[in-house]
C-alpha atoms as a PDB file:
ATOM      1  CA  MET A   1     -21.239 -90.577   0.602  1.00  0.00           C
ATOM      2  CA  GLN A   2     -21.022 -87.574  -1.590  1.00  0.00           C
ATOM      3  CA  VAL A   3     -23.055 -87.100  -4.693  1.00  0.00           C
ATOM      4  CA  THR A   4     -22.217 -84.824  -7.493  1.00  0.00           C
ATOM      5  CA  ILE A   5     -24.048 -84.064 -10.789  1.00  0.00           C
ATOM      6  CA  ASP A   6     -21.603 -83.275 -13.796  1.00  0.00           C
ATOM      7  CA  LYS A   7     -21.723 -79.665 -14.524  1.00  0.00           C
ATOM      8  CA  PHE A   8     -21.099 -80.235 -17.991  1.00  0.00           C
ATOM      9  CA  SER A   9     -23.932 -82.657 -18.519  1.00  0.00           C
ATOM     10  CA  GLY A  10     -27.634 -81.973 -19.708  1.00  0.00           C
ATOM     11  CA  PHE A  11     -29.134 -81.131 -22.877  1.00  0.00           C
ATOM     12  CA  CYS A  12     -27.079 -79.827 -25.848  1.00  0.00           C
ATOM     13  CA  TRP A  13     -28.243 -76.618 -27.350  1.00  0.00           C
ATOM     14  CA  GLY A  14     -29.841 -78.482 -30.138  1.00  0.00           C
ATOM     15  CA  VAL A  15     -32.198 -80.387 -27.747  1.00  0.00           C
ATOM     16  CA  VAL A  16     -32.677 -77.150 -25.656  1.00  0.00           C
ATOM     17  CA  ARG A  17     -33.780 -75.514 -28.814  1.00  0.00           C
ATOM     18  CA  THR A  18     -36.237 -78.326 -29.911  1.00  0.00           C
ATOM     19  CA  VAL A  19     -37.683 -78.544 -26.477  1.00  0.00           C
ATOM     20  CA  GLN A  20     -38.228 -74.856 -26.246  1.00  0.00           C
ATOM     21  CA  ILE A  21     -40.113 -74.676 -29.525  1.00  0.00           C
ATOM     22  CA  ALA A  22     -42.220 -77.509 -28.469  1.00  0.00           C
ATOM     23  CA  GLU A  23     -43.036 -75.700 -25.133  1.00  0.00           C
ATOM     24  CA  GLN A  24     -43.943 -72.407 -27.000  1.00  0.00           C
ATOM     25  CA  ALA A  25     -46.140 -74.368 -29.612  1.00  0.00           C
ATOM     26  CA  LEU A  26     -47.936 -76.171 -26.579  1.00  0.00           C
ATOM     27  CA  LEU A  27     -48.682 -72.565 -24.967  1.00  0.00           C
ATOM     28  CA  THR A  28     -50.901 -71.756 -27.838  1.00  0.00           C
ATOM     29  CA  LYS A  29     -53.370 -74.373 -26.449  1.00  0.00           C
ATOM     30  CA  GLU A  30     -53.782 -75.750 -29.975  1.00  0.00           C
ATOM     31  CA  LYS A  31     -53.143 -79.487 -31.016  1.00  0.00           C
ATOM     32  CA  VAL A  32     -49.553 -80.188 -31.510  1.00  0.00           C
ATOM     33  CA  TYR A  33     -48.127 -83.449 -32.577  1.00  0.00           C
ATOM     34  CA  VAL A  34     -44.461 -84.495 -32.756  1.00  0.00           C
ATOM     35  CA  LEU A  35     -43.211 -86.763 -35.542  1.00  0.00           C
ATOM     36  CA  GLY A  36     -41.550 -89.761 -33.436  1.00  0.00           C
ATOM     37  CA  ASN A  37     -40.053 -89.344 -29.949  1.00  0.00           C
ATOM     38  CA  ILE A  38     -39.048 -85.793 -29.536  1.00  0.00           C
ATOM     39  CA  ILE A  39     -35.863 -86.647 -28.012  1.00  0.00           C
ATOM     40  CA  HIS A  40     -34.521 -90.053 -26.904  1.00  0.00           C
ATOM     41  CA  ASN A  41     -35.345 -89.663 -23.226  1.00  0.00           C
ATOM     42  CA  PRO A  42     -38.562 -91.186 -22.054  1.00  0.00           C
ATOM     43  CA  LYS A  43     -38.688 -88.943 -18.994  1.00  0.00           C
ATOM     44  CA  GLU A  44     -38.669 -85.840 -20.918  1.00  0.00           C
ATOM     45  CA  ILE A  45     -41.274 -87.311 -23.512  1.00  0.00           C
ATOM     46  CA  GLU A  46     -43.605 -88.077 -20.539  1.00  0.00           C
ATOM     47  CA  ARG A  47     -43.225 -84.588 -19.207  1.00  0.00           C
ATOM     48  CA  LEU A  48     -44.093 -82.953 -22.574  1.00  0.00           C
ATOM     49  CA  GLU A  49     -46.882 -85.362 -23.248  1.00  0.00           C
ATOM     50  CA  ASN A  50     -48.411 -84.224 -19.925  1.00  0.00           C
ATOM     51  CA  GLN A  51     -48.456 -80.637 -21.367  1.00  0.00           C
ATOM     52  CA  GLY A  52     -50.401 -81.916 -24.335  1.00  0.00           C
ATOM     53  CA  LEU A  53     -47.891 -83.086 -26.885  1.00  0.00           C
ATOM     54  CA  THR A  54     -48.797 -86.072 -28.949  1.00  0.00           C
ATOM     55  CA  THR A  55     -46.230 -88.412 -30.508  1.00  0.00           C
ATOM     56  CA  ILE A  56     -47.169 -89.758 -34.024  1.00  0.00           C
ATOM     57  CA  THR A  57     -45.743 -91.374 -37.215  1.00  0.00           C
ATOM     58  CA  VAL A  58     -45.976 -90.397 -40.771  1.00  0.00           C
ATOM     59  CA  ASP A  59     -48.822 -92.911 -41.111  1.00  0.00           C
ATOM     60  CA  ASP A  60     -50.948 -90.823 -38.824  1.00  0.00           C
ATOM     61  CA  PHE A  61     -50.894 -88.032 -41.215  1.00  0.00           C
ATOM     62  CA  GLU A  62     -54.082 -88.972 -43.234  1.00  0.00           C
ATOM     63  CA  SER A  63     -56.220 -89.399 -40.216  1.00  0.00           C
ATOM     64  CA  ILE A  64     -55.005 -86.255 -38.573  1.00  0.00           C
ATOM     65  CA  ALA A  65     -55.765 -84.406 -41.601  1.00  0.00           C
ATOM     66  CA  LYS A  66     -59.221 -85.959 -41.755  1.00  0.00           C
ATOM     67  CA  GLU A  67     -60.084 -85.134 -38.338  1.00  0.00           C
ATOM     68  CA  SER A  68     -58.849 -81.626 -38.603  1.00  0.00           C
ATOM     69  CA  LYS A  69     -60.852 -80.865 -41.673  1.00  0.00           C
ATOM     70  CA  GLU A  70     -63.896 -81.895 -39.716  1.00  0.00           C
ATOM     71  CA  LEU A  71     -63.038 -79.737 -36.694  1.00  0.00           C
ATOM     72  CA  ASN A  72     -61.821 -77.016 -38.909  1.00  0.00           C
ATOM     73  CA  ILE A  73     -58.531 -76.613 -37.398  1.00  0.00           C
ATOM     74  CA  VAL A  74     -54.942 -76.694 -38.724  1.00  0.00           C
ATOM     75  CA  PRO A  75     -52.763 -79.162 -36.701  1.00  0.00           C
ATOM     76  CA  LYS A  76     -49.211 -78.411 -36.082  1.00  0.00           C
ATOM     77  CA  ILE A  77     -46.706 -81.094 -36.824  1.00  0.00           C
ATOM     78  CA  LEU A  78     -43.456 -80.782 -35.038  1.00  0.00           C
ATOM     79  CA  ILE A  79     -40.315 -82.141 -36.624  1.00  0.00           C
ATOM     80  CA  ARG A  80     -37.962 -83.139 -33.891  1.00  0.00           C
ATOM     81  CA  ALA A  81     -34.018 -82.503 -33.761  1.00  0.00           C
ATOM     82  CA  HIS A  82     -33.261 -85.619 -35.588  1.00  0.00           C
ATOM     83  CA  GLY A  83     -34.682 -84.074 -38.901  1.00  0.00           C
ATOM     84  CA  GLU A  84     -36.699 -85.980 -41.654  1.00  0.00           C
ATOM     85  CA  PRO A  85     -36.399 -86.827 -45.148  1.00  0.00           C
ATOM     86  CA  PRO A  86     -37.796 -84.441 -47.922  1.00  0.00           C
ATOM     87  CA  GLU A  87     -40.996 -87.056 -48.462  1.00  0.00           C
ATOM     88  CA  THR A  88     -42.330 -86.203 -45.035  1.00  0.00           C
ATOM     89  CA  TYR A  89     -42.479 -82.347 -45.600  1.00  0.00           C
ATOM     90  CA  LYS A  90     -44.078 -83.138 -49.148  1.00  0.00           C
ATOM     91  CA  LYS A  91     -46.762 -85.507 -47.614  1.00  0.00           C
ATOM     92  CA  ALA A  92     -47.567 -82.963 -44.896  1.00  0.00           C
ATOM     93  CA  TRP A  93     -47.981 -80.075 -47.346  1.00  0.00           C
ATOM     94  CA  LEU A  94     -50.135 -82.156 -49.603  1.00  0.00           C
ATOM     95  CA  LEU A  95     -52.473 -82.802 -46.630  1.00  0.00           C
ATOM     96  CA  GLY A  96     -52.557 -79.188 -45.493  1.00  0.00           C
ATOM     97  CA  LEU A  97     -50.828 -79.905 -42.348  1.00  0.00           C
ATOM     98  CA  GLU A  98     -48.672 -77.145 -40.558  1.00  0.00           C
ATOM     99  CA  ILE A  99     -45.134 -78.073 -39.976  1.00  0.00           C
ATOM    100  CA  ILE A 100     -42.975 -76.569 -37.248  1.00  0.00           C
ATOM    101  CA  ASP A 101     -39.387 -77.514 -38.009  1.00  0.00           C
ATOM    102  CA  ALA A 102     -37.268 -78.056 -34.840  1.00  0.00           C
ATOM    103  CA  THR A 103     -34.605 -79.980 -36.777  1.00  0.00           C
ATOM    104  CA  CYS A 104     -31.112 -79.334 -35.068  1.00  0.00           C
ATOM    105  CA  PRO A 105     -29.175 -76.810 -37.171  1.00  0.00           C
ATOM    106  CA  VAL A 106     -26.145 -79.120 -36.948  1.00  0.00           C
ATOM    107  CA  VAL A 107     -28.409 -81.876 -38.744  1.00  0.00           C
ATOM    108  CA  THR A 108     -29.754 -79.612 -41.076  1.00  0.00           C
ATOM    109  CA  LYS A 109     -26.284 -78.451 -42.240  1.00  0.00           C
ATOM    110  CA  LEU A 110     -25.232 -82.289 -42.618  1.00  0.00           C
ATOM    111  CA  GLN A 111     -28.315 -82.881 -44.839  1.00  0.00           C
ATOM    112  CA  GLU A 112     -27.325 -79.777 -46.975  1.00  0.00           C
ATOM    113  CA  ARG A 113     -23.627 -81.054 -47.419  1.00  0.00           C
ATOM    114  CA  VAL A 114     -24.834 -84.556 -48.464  1.00  0.00           C
ATOM    115  CA  ARG A 115     -27.303 -83.284 -50.994  1.00  0.00           C
ATOM    116  CA  LYS A 116     -24.709 -81.052 -52.340  1.00  0.00           C
ATOM    117  CA  PHE A 117     -22.204 -83.731 -52.910  1.00  0.00           C
ATOM    118  CA  TYR A 118     -24.746 -86.197 -54.110  1.00  0.00           C
ATOM    119  CA  ASP A 119     -25.860 -83.902 -56.743  1.00  0.00           C
ATOM    120  CA  GLN A 120     -22.415 -83.678 -58.066  1.00  0.00           C
ATOM    121  CA  GLY A 121     -22.200 -87.386 -58.500  1.00  0.00           C
ATOM    122  CA  TYR A 122     -20.260 -88.519 -55.469  1.00  0.00           C
ATOM    123  CA  GLN A 123     -20.748 -91.784 -53.805  1.00  0.00           C
ATOM    124  CA  VAL A 124     -22.003 -90.768 -50.201  1.00  0.00           C
ATOM    125  CA  VAL A 125     -20.719 -92.988 -47.271  1.00  0.00           C
ATOM    126  CA  ILE A 126     -22.360 -92.193 -43.864  1.00  0.00           C
ATOM    127  CA  PHE A 127     -20.803 -93.496 -40.642  1.00  0.00           C
ATOM    128  CA  GLY A 128     -23.881 -94.140 -38.706  1.00  0.00           C
ATOM    129  CA  LYS A 129     -26.741 -96.464 -37.689  1.00  0.00           C
ATOM    130  CA  LYS A 130     -28.718 -97.329 -40.774  1.00  0.00           C
ATOM    131  CA  ASP A 131     -32.043 -97.077 -38.931  1.00  0.00           C
ATOM    132  CA  HIS A 132     -31.407 -94.149 -36.737  1.00  0.00           C
ATOM    133  CA  ALA A 133     -33.921 -91.311 -37.044  1.00  0.00           C
ATOM    134  CA  GLU A 134     -31.273 -88.760 -38.138  1.00  0.00           C
ATOM    135  CA  VAL A 135     -29.822 -90.979 -40.702  1.00  0.00           C
ATOM    136  CA  LEU A 136     -33.178 -91.844 -42.163  1.00  0.00           C
ATOM    137  CA  GLY A 137     -33.351 -88.127 -43.010  1.00  0.00           C
ATOM    138  CA  VAL A 138     -29.850 -88.058 -44.287  1.00  0.00           C
ATOM    139  CA  ARG A 139     -30.765 -90.964 -46.609  1.00  0.00           C
ATOM    140  CA  GLY A 140     -33.798 -89.229 -47.818  1.00  0.00           C
ATOM    141  CA  VAL A 141     -31.959 -86.264 -49.128  1.00  0.00           C
ATOM    142  CA  CYS A 142     -29.794 -88.459 -51.389  1.00  0.00           C
ATOM    143  CA  ASN A 143     -32.835 -90.793 -52.596  1.00  0.00           C
ATOM    144  CA  ASP A 144     -31.321 -93.520 -50.364  1.00  0.00           C
ATOM    145  CA  GLN A 145     -28.384 -93.807 -52.608  1.00  0.00           C
ATOM    146  CA  CYS A 146     -25.749 -94.026 -50.085  1.00  0.00           C
ATOM    147  CA  LYS A 147     -23.793 -96.564 -48.005  1.00  0.00           C
ATOM    148  CA  VAL A 148     -24.133 -96.584 -44.205  1.00  0.00           C
ATOM    149  CA  VAL A 149     -21.477 -98.055 -42.415  1.00  0.00           C
ATOM    150  CA  ILE A 150     -20.978 -98.770 -38.730  1.00  0.00           C
ATOM    151  CA  SER A 151     -17.348-100.394 -38.589  1.00  0.00           C
ATOM    152  CA  VAL A 152     -14.061-100.421 -40.616  1.00  0.00           C
ATOM    153  CA  GLU A 153     -14.701-104.078 -41.811  1.00  0.00           C
ATOM    154  CA  GLN A 154     -18.215-103.056 -43.126  1.00  0.00           C
ATOM    155  CA  ALA A 155     -16.620-100.086 -44.890  1.00  0.00           C
ATOM    156  CA  LEU A 156     -13.890-102.179 -46.592  1.00  0.00           C
ATOM    157  CA  ASN A 157     -16.530-104.816 -47.721  1.00  0.00           C
ATOM    158  CA  GLU A 158     -19.385-102.611 -49.079  1.00  0.00           C
ATOM    159  CA  VAL A 159     -17.855 -99.172 -50.127  1.00  0.00           C
ATOM    160  CA  ASP A 160     -16.851 -99.068 -53.920  1.00  0.00           C
ATOM    161  CA  LEU A 161     -13.917 -96.882 -54.086  1.00  0.00           C
ATOM    162  CA  ASP A 162     -13.560 -96.927 -57.799  1.00  0.00           C
ATOM    163  CA  GLN A 163     -15.610 -93.831 -57.844  1.00  0.00           C
ATOM    164  CA  LYS A 164     -15.262 -90.305 -56.372  1.00  0.00           C
ATOM    165  CA  THR A 165     -16.413 -90.701 -52.871  1.00  0.00           C
ATOM    166  CA  VAL A 166     -17.401 -88.467 -49.789  1.00  0.00           C
ATOM    167  CA  PHE A 167     -17.428 -89.840 -46.291  1.00  0.00           C
ATOM    168  CA  PHE A 168     -19.783 -88.120 -43.585  1.00  0.00           C
ATOM    169  CA  SER A 169     -20.907 -89.074 -40.050  1.00  0.00           C
ATOM    170  CA  GLN A 170     -24.128 -89.209 -38.120  1.00  0.00           C
ATOM    171  CA  THR A 171     -23.577 -86.271 -35.683  1.00  0.00           C
ATOM    172  CA  THR A 172     -23.732 -88.424 -32.681  1.00  0.00           C
ATOM    173  CA  MET A 173     -21.106 -91.021 -33.416  1.00  0.00           C
ATOM    174  CA  ASP A 174     -17.693 -91.342 -31.849  1.00  0.00           C
ATOM    175  CA  ARG A 175     -14.769 -89.619 -33.503  1.00  0.00           C
ATOM    176  CA  PRO A 176     -12.171 -92.495 -32.981  1.00  0.00           C
ATOM    177  CA  THR A 177     -14.147 -94.707 -35.103  1.00  0.00           C
ATOM    178  CA  PHE A 178     -14.834 -92.319 -37.574  1.00  0.00           C
ATOM    179  CA  LEU A 179     -11.087 -91.659 -38.137  1.00  0.00           C
ATOM    180  CA  LEU A 180     -10.386 -95.265 -38.314  1.00  0.00           C
ATOM    181  CA  ILE A 181     -12.956 -95.715 -41.227  1.00  0.00           C
ATOM    182  CA  LYS A 182     -11.659 -92.770 -42.929  1.00  0.00           C
ATOM    183  CA  ASP A 183      -7.831 -93.882 -42.711  1.00  0.00           C
ATOM    184  CA  ALA A 184      -8.936 -97.470 -43.835  1.00  0.00           C
ATOM    185  CA  LEU A 185     -10.803 -96.058 -46.885  1.00  0.00           C
ATOM    186  CA  GLN A 186      -7.723 -93.918 -47.767  1.00  0.00           C
ATOM    187  CA  VAL A 187      -5.462 -96.949 -47.460  1.00  0.00           C
ATOM    188  CA  LYS A 188      -7.783 -99.056 -49.726  1.00  0.00           C
ATOM    189  CA  ILE A 189      -7.611 -96.155 -52.367  1.00  0.00           C
ATOM    190  CA  LYS A 190      -3.899 -96.132 -52.352  1.00  0.00           C
ATOM    191  CA  ASP A 191      -3.614-100.007 -52.638  1.00  0.00           C
ATOM    192  CA  LEU A 192      -6.113 -99.692 -55.651  1.00  0.00           C
ATOM    193  CA  VAL A 193      -3.950 -97.385 -57.355  1.00  0.00           C
ATOM    194  CA  ILE A 194      -0.730 -99.193 -56.913  1.00  0.00           C
ATOM    195  CA  ASP A 195      -2.302-102.356 -57.934  1.00  0.00           C
ATOM    196  CA  THR A 196      -3.604-100.975 -61.118  1.00  0.00           C
ATOM    197  CA  MET A 197      -1.058 -98.369 -61.984  1.00  0.00           C
ATOM    198  CA  GLU A 198      -4.269 -96.048 -62.700  1.00  0.00           C
ATOM    199  CA  ASN A 199      -5.672 -92.857 -61.244  1.00  0.00           C
ATOM    200  CA  ILE A 200      -8.579 -94.596 -59.546  1.00  0.00           C
ATOM    201  CA  ALA A 201     -10.982 -93.005 -57.192  1.00  0.00           C
ATOM    202  CA  THR A 202      -8.174 -90.575 -55.809  1.00  0.00           C
ATOM    203  CA  GLU A 203     -10.877 -88.207 -55.193  1.00  0.00           C
ATOM    204  CA  PHE A 204     -11.887 -88.859 -51.653  1.00  0.00           C
ATOM    205  CA  HIS A 205     -13.260 -86.403 -49.126  1.00  0.00           C
ATOM    206  CA  ALA A 206     -13.931 -87.136 -45.331  1.00  0.00           C
ATOM    207  CA  LYS A 207     -16.047 -84.661 -43.581  1.00  0.00           C
ATOM    208  CA  ASP A 208     -16.150 -84.892 -39.959  1.00  0.00           C
ATOM    209  CA  THR A 209     -19.769 -83.838 -39.036  1.00  0.00           C
ATOM    210  CA  ILE A 210     -19.831 -85.183 -35.618  1.00  0.00           C
ATOM    211  CA  CYS A 211     -21.436 -82.662 -33.175  1.00  0.00           C
ATOM    212  CA  GLY A 212     -18.869 -80.859 -31.132  1.00  0.00           C
ATOM    213  CA  GLN A 213     -21.094 -81.045 -28.319  1.00  0.00           C
ATOM    214  CA  VAL A 214     -20.770 -84.728 -28.208  1.00  0.00           C
ATOM    215  CA  SER A 215     -17.043 -85.188 -28.967  1.00  0.00           C
ATOM    216  CA  GLY A 216     -16.251 -82.088 -27.056  1.00  0.00           C
ATOM    217  CA  ARG A 217     -17.539 -83.488 -23.691  1.00  0.00           C
ATOM    218  CA  GLU A 218     -15.278 -86.673 -24.033  1.00  0.00           C
ATOM    219  CA  PHE A 219     -12.098 -85.099 -22.180  1.00  0.00           C
ATOM    220  CA  LEU A 220     -13.989 -83.411 -19.411  1.00  0.00           C
ATOM    221  CA  LEU A 221     -16.273 -86.570 -19.070  1.00  0.00           C
ATOM    222  CA  LYS A 222     -13.273 -88.714 -18.381  1.00  0.00           C
ATOM    223  CA  GLN A 223     -11.920 -86.180 -15.790  1.00  0.00           C
ATOM    224  CA  PHE A 224     -15.209 -86.381 -14.190  1.00  0.00           C
ATOM    225  CA  ALA A 225     -15.350 -90.312 -14.037  1.00  0.00           C
ATOM    226  CA  GLU A 226     -11.805 -90.404 -12.842  1.00  0.00           C
ATOM    227  CA  GLN A 227     -12.723 -87.953  -9.819  1.00  0.00           C
ATOM    228  CA  ASN A 228     -15.534 -90.200  -8.633  1.00  0.00           C
ATOM    229  CA  ASP A 229     -15.429 -93.924  -7.186  1.00  0.00           C
ATOM    230  CA  CYS A 230     -18.806 -94.560  -8.950  1.00  0.00           C
ATOM    231  CA  ILE A 231     -20.593 -93.277 -11.929  1.00  0.00           C
ATOM    232  CA  VAL A 232     -24.381 -93.357 -12.518  1.00  0.00           C
ATOM    233  CA  PHE A 233     -24.958 -92.556 -16.057  1.00  0.00           C
ATOM    234  CA  VAL A 234     -28.502 -91.489 -16.779  1.00  0.00           C
ATOM    235  CA  ALA A 235     -29.897 -91.586 -20.180  1.00  0.00           C
ATOM    236  CA  GLY A 236     -32.377 -93.203 -22.561  1.00  0.00           C
ATOM    237  CA  LYS A 237     -31.796 -96.628 -23.957  1.00  0.00           C
ATOM    238  CA  ALA A 238     -32.474 -95.377 -27.275  1.00  0.00           C
ATOM    239  CA  SER A 239     -29.866 -92.490 -27.158  1.00  0.00           C
ATOM    240  CA  SER A 240     -27.063 -92.838 -29.527  1.00  0.00           C
ATOM    241  CA  ASN A 241     -24.760 -90.340 -27.986  1.00  0.00           C
ATOM    242  CA  GLY A 242     -25.676 -91.863 -24.574  1.00  0.00           C
ATOM    243  CA  LYS A 243     -24.104 -95.077 -25.728  1.00  0.00           C
ATOM    244  CA  VAL A 244     -21.086 -93.371 -26.874  1.00  0.00           C
ATOM    245  CA  LEU A 245     -20.623 -91.117 -23.745  1.00  0.00           C
ATOM    246  CA  TYR A 246     -21.269 -94.184 -21.415  1.00  0.00           C
ATOM    247  CA  ASP A 247     -18.564 -96.000 -23.149  1.00  0.00           C
ATOM    248  CA  VAL A 248     -16.252 -93.066 -22.611  1.00  0.00           C
ATOM    249  CA  CYS A 249     -16.988 -93.112 -18.795  1.00  0.00           C
ATOM    250  CA  LYS A 250     -16.747 -96.943 -18.625  1.00  0.00           C
ATOM    251  CA  GLU A 251     -13.474 -96.860 -20.219  1.00  0.00           C
ATOM    252  CA  VAL A 252     -11.889 -94.929 -17.239  1.00  0.00           C
ATOM    253  CA  ASN A 253     -14.015 -96.025 -14.276  1.00  0.00           C
ATOM    254  CA  ILE A 254     -15.331 -99.635 -14.386  1.00  0.00           C
ATOM    255  CA  ASN A 255     -17.783 -98.604 -11.752  1.00  0.00           C
ATOM    256  CA  THR A 256     -19.992 -96.861 -14.328  1.00  0.00           C
ATOM    257  CA  PHE A 257     -23.714 -98.056 -14.356  1.00  0.00           C
ATOM    258  CA  PHE A 258     -26.384 -97.047 -17.058  1.00  0.00           C
ATOM    259  CA  VAL A 259     -29.644 -96.290 -15.773  1.00  0.00           C
ATOM    260  CA  GLU A 260     -32.784 -95.094 -17.625  1.00  0.00           C
ATOM    261  CA  ASP A 261     -35.016 -94.964 -14.499  1.00  0.00           C
ATOM    262  CA  ILE A 262     -34.112 -94.793 -10.857  1.00  0.00           C
ATOM    263  CA  SER A 263     -35.838 -98.125 -10.297  1.00  0.00           C
ATOM    264  CA  GLU A 264     -32.747 -99.677 -12.032  1.00  0.00           C
ATOM    265  CA  ILE A 265     -30.336 -98.332  -9.375  1.00  0.00           C
ATOM    266  CA  ASP A 266     -28.800-101.081  -7.164  1.00  0.00           C
ATOM    267  CA  ILE A 267     -27.780 -99.977  -3.641  1.00  0.00           C
ATOM    268  CA  ASN A 268     -24.970-102.515  -3.829  1.00  0.00           C
ATOM    269  CA  TRP A 269     -23.068-100.467  -6.399  1.00  0.00           C
ATOM    270  CA  PHE A 270     -22.219 -97.871  -3.760  1.00  0.00           C
ATOM    271  CA  ILE A 271     -21.083-100.202  -0.829  1.00  0.00           C
ATOM    272  CA  GLY A 272     -17.469 -99.054   0.146  1.00  0.00           C
ATOM    273  CA  LYS A 273     -17.850 -95.956  -2.131  1.00  0.00           C
ATOM    274  CA  ASN A 274     -17.230 -92.200  -0.880  1.00  0.00           C
ATOM    275  CA  SER A 275     -18.163 -90.355  -4.001  1.00  0.00           C
ATOM    276  CA  VAL A 276     -20.679 -90.750  -6.706  1.00  0.00           C
ATOM    277  CA  GLY A 277     -20.882 -89.026  -9.916  1.00  0.00           C
ATOM    278  CA  ILE A 278     -24.172 -88.493 -11.934  1.00  0.00           C
ATOM    279  CA  THR A 279     -23.806 -87.578 -15.676  1.00  0.00           C
ATOM    280  CA  GLY A 280     -25.719 -88.369 -18.746  1.00  0.00           C
ATOM    281  CA  ALA A 281     -26.380 -87.894 -22.507  1.00  0.00           C
ATOM    282  CA  THR A 282     -26.988 -84.882 -24.441  1.00  0.00           C
ATOM    283  CA  SER A 283     -30.696 -85.724 -24.163  1.00  0.00           C
ATOM    284  CA  THR A 284     -30.737 -86.256 -20.601  1.00  0.00           C
ATOM    285  CA  PRO A 285     -32.842 -83.541 -18.711  1.00  0.00           C
ATOM    286  CA  GLN A 286     -31.118 -81.775 -15.880  1.00  0.00           C
ATOM    287  CA  TRP A 287     -34.428 -82.094 -13.674  1.00  0.00           C
ATOM    288  CA  TYR A 288     -34.108 -85.980 -13.857  1.00  0.00           C
ATOM    289  CA  MET A 289     -30.480 -86.102 -12.831  1.00  0.00           C
ATOM    290  CA  ASN A 290     -31.543 -83.850  -9.774  1.00  0.00           C
ATOM    291  CA  HIS A 291     -34.028 -86.433  -9.136  1.00  0.00           C
ATOM    292  CA  VAL A 292     -31.458 -89.222  -9.161  1.00  0.00           C
ATOM    293  CA  LYS A 293     -29.343 -87.338  -6.899  1.00  0.00           C
ATOM    294  CA  GLU A 294     -32.186 -86.874  -4.365  1.00  0.00           C
ATOM    295  CA  PHE A 295     -32.926 -90.649  -4.638  1.00  0.00           C
ATOM    296  CA  LEU A 296     -29.399 -91.510  -4.009  1.00  0.00           C
ATOM    297  CA  TYR A 297     -29.286 -89.531  -0.753  1.00  0.00           C
ATOM    298  CA  SER A 298     -32.525 -90.982   0.299  1.00  0.00           C
ATOM    299  CA  LEU A 299     -30.801 -94.526   0.252  1.00  0.00           C
END
């Protein structure tokens, strides 16, 4: 049985940047905290925690600040790639905590654009998962005055298009659904205008803010999935882009299996298979995919 790792898989540049910033901070031997899981992959989280990284929440800020004053140190709080709302930065500053901002630049740009349109009085609509870490940050820059939708049906039911509107996307969502929602909202605007014979909500903007390294992988990922008899898709269960890219594989190769840990691998998947491909999310570390490959050969 031949086992091949997808050469286009592994960390996107935003995750690489975040992990490198964390590793550099840990080299100082000072106490380094990260606000929430640094990426949505438990294996990489475990690796960094073994180097001294401590995962916290905003609720821990006060106790950390108190302990740090007693020890006369300034703790470092790492903002992960998903970003944070403005309130998080304000609270850290008021408590005297040092922020290391490792927000992915693509996410930072999304936040800036949302804030710009919000300040101009637009209704902001986000295609994404309402409680996803990235979306929480985006909601924060517009004082949570936005609509977060996940489907065409939800958008048509909840978006009020009798006002000027701008439509964005969480950076790790799938482009086909984004385009379906965009088209549906545009049709709704057109129907409103025809029904009322008035110039209602004709100002509608759709901004495709999906990360190119997520959407750009889809074509090559389909090719890789088609070239192998079986696909082992390795990702954290909480990874948003992992779910998107797994579905891309599954669409073209029914023998695609999602695993977070090698303990989930079933040897029966490979009966009668000559080739197995290993791929993963943009938050799946290359070292763990190599580990999966070694495990498969050991079978």
